[in-house]
Every structure is written in structure tokens, then in C-alpha cells.
């Protein structure tokens, strides 16, 4: 049985207690808590309910505050990207059974951490593009566009 308040038409209405709980969910999410963890801590009854609570709270924020939140998210992405760049710039060597592996006299490079960092950087950039709406941009070239294909290194006369 739900303890959430309803109006005269039977629709759910937001109570002060519910709004405060949703605000706390949003605060926890900003601390990188998972929706499941938020649900467990605040009693939402599932990750999807916690997600809706955070979404409700964010949608209720006035636009100016939303822009501040966007700036905060972008700053956090910058900090994460900086950490990834540090991993990219570091030297990584192959270790097996707790021992450094050598190729001749030189330690054998381990490219795994670099590739993982590149993958993480791409995800950070994808998130940034999504936040900024860059993926929704379209190119308006105006008017008709002609595409011409050219096969280089083949004499078309030889096949006529």
C-alpha cells in the first residue's frame, strides 16, 4: 500500500517530505551514488523510482540554476578527463606474478592502461557532447548537394 499523498482525482501529489527526499536523492546522485544505492538508502523501492525522483528534482530547478548545474557537471568531467590524461602520460610496464617483465634490458611496455584510458576519455567526451547537445546539431548546407565519386588509380577506358 502506497503512503504517497493523492489529490481528489486520485493523482499522486508531491508532499514536502517527498520533495525533501527527492532533493536528497539528487544530492546523493551528485556524489556519484548509483540509483540503486540511492533507492536502498532512501526507500524508493527500486533504481527506476530513484531515477525518476532525481529527474523530477532537476526538472523543478529554475533555468539559471540548471545552467549552474550544467557548469558543475562540465567541471566534474574536466577533472575526470585530467585524471585520464595523467594515466595516458604515465609509463606503464608489464608485471607478471608481481615481477616486472623485461624485453632484453628494457621493461616491457604495457599498453592496456593506455587503451583503457583512451576508452574512458571517449566516454567522457561523449557525455560532454550529450550535455552540450552537440549530438543533436545538424549541418544545414542550404540547397541541393551533389556528391561525386572518383576512383583513383583505375583507368575507366580500360573497362569500357
Protein backbone atom coordinates (compact mmCIF):
# COMPACT_ATOMS: atom_id res chain seq x y z
CA UNK A 1 0.00 0.00 0.00
CA UNK A 2 1.43 3.39 -1.02
CA UNK A 3 1.84 6.12 1.59
CA UNK A 4 2.19 8.81 -1.07
CA UNK A 5 -0.44 11.58 -0.95
CA UNK A 6 -3.13 11.84 -3.64
CA UNK A 7 -5.39 14.67 -4.77
CA UNK A 8 -9.17 14.50 -5.14
CA UNK A 9 -8.84 12.84 -8.57
CA UNK A 10 -6.60 10.10 -7.20
CA UNK A 11 -3.40 11.52 -8.74
CA UNK A 12 -0.18 11.48 -6.77
CA UNK A 13 0.85 14.87 -5.35
CA UNK A 14 4.25 15.94 -4.10
CA UNK A 15 4.41 16.47 -0.34
CA UNK A 16 7.05 18.49 1.49
CA UNK A 17 8.54 15.25 2.84
CA UNK A 18 8.59 13.73 -0.64
CA UNK A 19 10.22 16.83 -2.13
CA UNK A 20 12.89 16.78 0.58
CA UNK A 21 13.55 13.09 -0.07
CA UNK A 22 13.80 13.75 -3.82
CA UNK A 23 16.21 16.62 -3.15
CA UNK A 24 18.35 14.30 -1.02
CA UNK A 25 18.31 11.74 -3.85
CA UNK A 26 19.57 14.44 -6.22
CA UNK A 27 22.31 15.42 -3.76
CA UNK A 28 23.42 11.79 -3.42
CA UNK A 29 23.41 11.37 -7.19
CA UNK A 30 25.71 14.40 -7.50
CA UNK A 31 28.08 12.49 -5.22
CA UNK A 32 28.13 9.69 -7.84
CA UNK A 33 25.87 7.31 -5.92
CA UNK A 34 24.15 4.74 -8.13
CA UNK A 35 20.37 4.90 -8.41
CA UNK A 36 20.13 1.50 -6.71
CA UNK A 37 22.21 2.73 -3.77
CA UNK A 38 20.02 5.87 -3.51
CA UNK A 39 16.90 3.71 -3.60
CA UNK A 40 18.25 1.45 -0.86
CA UNK A 41 19.23 4.41 1.33
CA UNK A 42 16.03 6.42 0.88
CA UNK A 43 13.49 3.64 0.39
CA UNK A 44 12.33 4.30 -3.17
CA UNK A 45 11.65 0.65 -3.90
CA UNK A 46 13.92 0.41 -6.92
CA UNK A 47 16.53 2.17 -9.00
CA UNK A 48 13.97 3.39 -11.56
CA UNK A 49 11.99 5.19 -8.83
CA UNK A 50 15.17 6.84 -7.57
CA UNK A 51 15.98 7.89 -11.15
CA UNK A 52 12.53 9.46 -11.52
CA UNK A 53 12.99 11.31 -8.21
CA UNK A 54 16.28 12.82 -9.37
CA UNK A 55 14.76 13.70 -12.73
CA UNK A 56 11.77 15.36 -11.02
CA UNK A 57 14.10 17.44 -8.87
CA UNK A 58 16.28 18.52 -11.77
CA UNK A 59 13.24 19.45 -13.86
CA UNK A 60 11.97 21.63 -10.99
CA UNK A 61 15.20 23.64 -10.85
CA UNK A 62 14.85 27.08 -12.45
CA UNK A 63 16.77 27.51 -15.69
CA UNK A 64 19.52 29.69 -14.19
CA UNK A 65 20.24 27.08 -11.54
CA UNK A 66 20.14 24.45 -14.28
CA UNK A 67 22.89 26.32 -16.07
CA UNK A 68 24.90 26.30 -12.84
CA UNK A 69 24.34 22.55 -12.60
CA UNK A 70 25.50 22.15 -16.21
CA UNK A 71 28.65 24.13 -15.40
CA UNK A 72 29.23 21.91 -12.35
CA UNK A 73 28.82 18.75 -14.42
CA UNK A 74 31.22 20.08 -17.06
CA UNK A 75 33.77 20.95 -14.36
CA UNK A 76 33.50 17.42 -12.96
CA UNK A 77 34.03 15.99 -16.45
CA UNK A 78 37.10 18.23 -16.82
CA UNK A 79 38.52 16.85 -13.56
CA UNK A 80 37.88 13.29 -14.70
CA UNK A 81 39.48 13.98 -18.07
CA UNK A 82 42.55 15.44 -16.32
CA UNK A 83 42.94 12.19 -14.37
CA UNK A 84 42.69 10.21 -17.60
CA UNK A 85 45.36 12.41 -19.22
CA UNK A 86 47.66 11.67 -16.28
CA UNK A 87 47.20 7.94 -16.92
CA UNK A 88 47.91 8.50 -20.62
CA UNK A 89 51.15 10.36 -19.86
CA UNK A 90 52.46 7.84 -17.32
CA UNK A 91 54.75 4.96 -18.22
CA UNK A 92 53.14 1.54 -17.80
CA UNK A 93 55.10 -1.69 -17.65
CA UNK A 94 54.04 -5.31 -17.81
CA UNK A 95 54.04 -7.16 -14.49
CA UNK A 96 53.54 -10.89 -14.07
CA UNK A 97 53.37 -12.67 -10.72
CA UNK A 98 54.50 -9.49 -9.01
CA UNK A 99 57.60 -9.11 -11.18
CA UNK A 100 58.46 -6.62 -13.87
CA UNK A 101 58.80 -8.24 -17.30
CA UNK A 102 61.76 -7.23 -19.46
CA UNK A 103 62.32 -7.33 -23.20
CA UNK A 104 66.07 -7.50 -23.34
CA UNK A 105 67.30 -4.90 -20.89
CA UNK A 106 64.21 -2.67 -21.13
CA UNK A 107 60.98 -3.17 -19.16
CA UNK A 108 58.18 -4.39 -21.46
CA UNK A 109 55.61 -1.63 -22.02
CA UNK A 110 52.02 -2.39 -21.07
CA UNK A 111 49.59 -0.64 -23.42
CA UNK A 112 46.47 -1.93 -21.62
CA UNK A 113 46.16 1.02 -19.20
CA UNK A 114 46.64 3.49 -22.06
CA UNK A 115 43.95 1.84 -24.18
CA UNK A 116 41.60 1.74 -21.17
CA UNK A 117 42.28 5.44 -20.53
CA UNK A 118 41.55 6.27 -24.18
CA UNK A 119 38.27 4.37 -23.92
CA UNK A 120 37.37 6.27 -20.73
CA UNK A 121 38.27 9.60 -22.35
CA UNK A 122 35.95 8.83 -25.26
CA UNK A 123 33.13 8.15 -22.80
CA UNK A 124 33.82 11.44 -21.00
CA UNK A 125 33.77 13.27 -24.34
CA UNK A 126 30.51 11.54 -25.32
CA UNK A 127 28.94 12.66 -22.02
CA UNK A 128 30.16 16.21 -22.57
CA UNK A 129 28.72 16.25 -26.10
CA UNK A 130 25.39 14.96 -24.77
CA UNK A 131 25.27 17.60 -22.02
CA UNK A 132 26.03 20.35 -24.51
CA UNK A 133 23.59 19.00 -27.10
CA UNK A 134 26.33 18.61 -29.68
CA UNK A 135 25.00 15.28 -30.90
CA UNK A 136 21.74 16.93 -31.90
CA UNK A 137 23.44 19.52 -34.12
CA UNK A 138 22.77 19.24 -37.82
CA UNK A 139 24.53 20.78 -40.77
CA UNK A 140 22.42 22.98 -42.99
CA UNK A 141 24.16 23.25 -46.33
CA UNK A 142 21.26 25.10 -47.94
CA UNK A 143 20.02 24.00 -51.31
CA UNK A 144 20.89 20.96 -53.36
CA UNK A 145 24.01 18.91 -52.65
CA UNK A 146 25.87 16.96 -55.32
CA UNK A 147 28.11 14.05 -54.40
CA UNK A 148 30.80 12.99 -56.87
CA UNK A 149 32.72 9.74 -56.54
CA UNK A 150 36.18 9.41 -58.03
CA UNK A 151 38.02 6.11 -58.37
CA UNK A 152 41.74 6.81 -58.24
CA UNK A 153 44.27 4.53 -59.92
CA UNK A 154 41.79 2.87 -62.30
CA UNK A 155 41.51 3.77 -65.97
CA UNK A 156 37.78 3.70 -66.78
CA UNK A 157 38.60 3.47 -70.50
CA UNK A 158 40.22 0.08 -69.91
CA UNK A 159 36.84 -1.32 -68.84
CA UNK A 160 34.69 0.36 -71.50
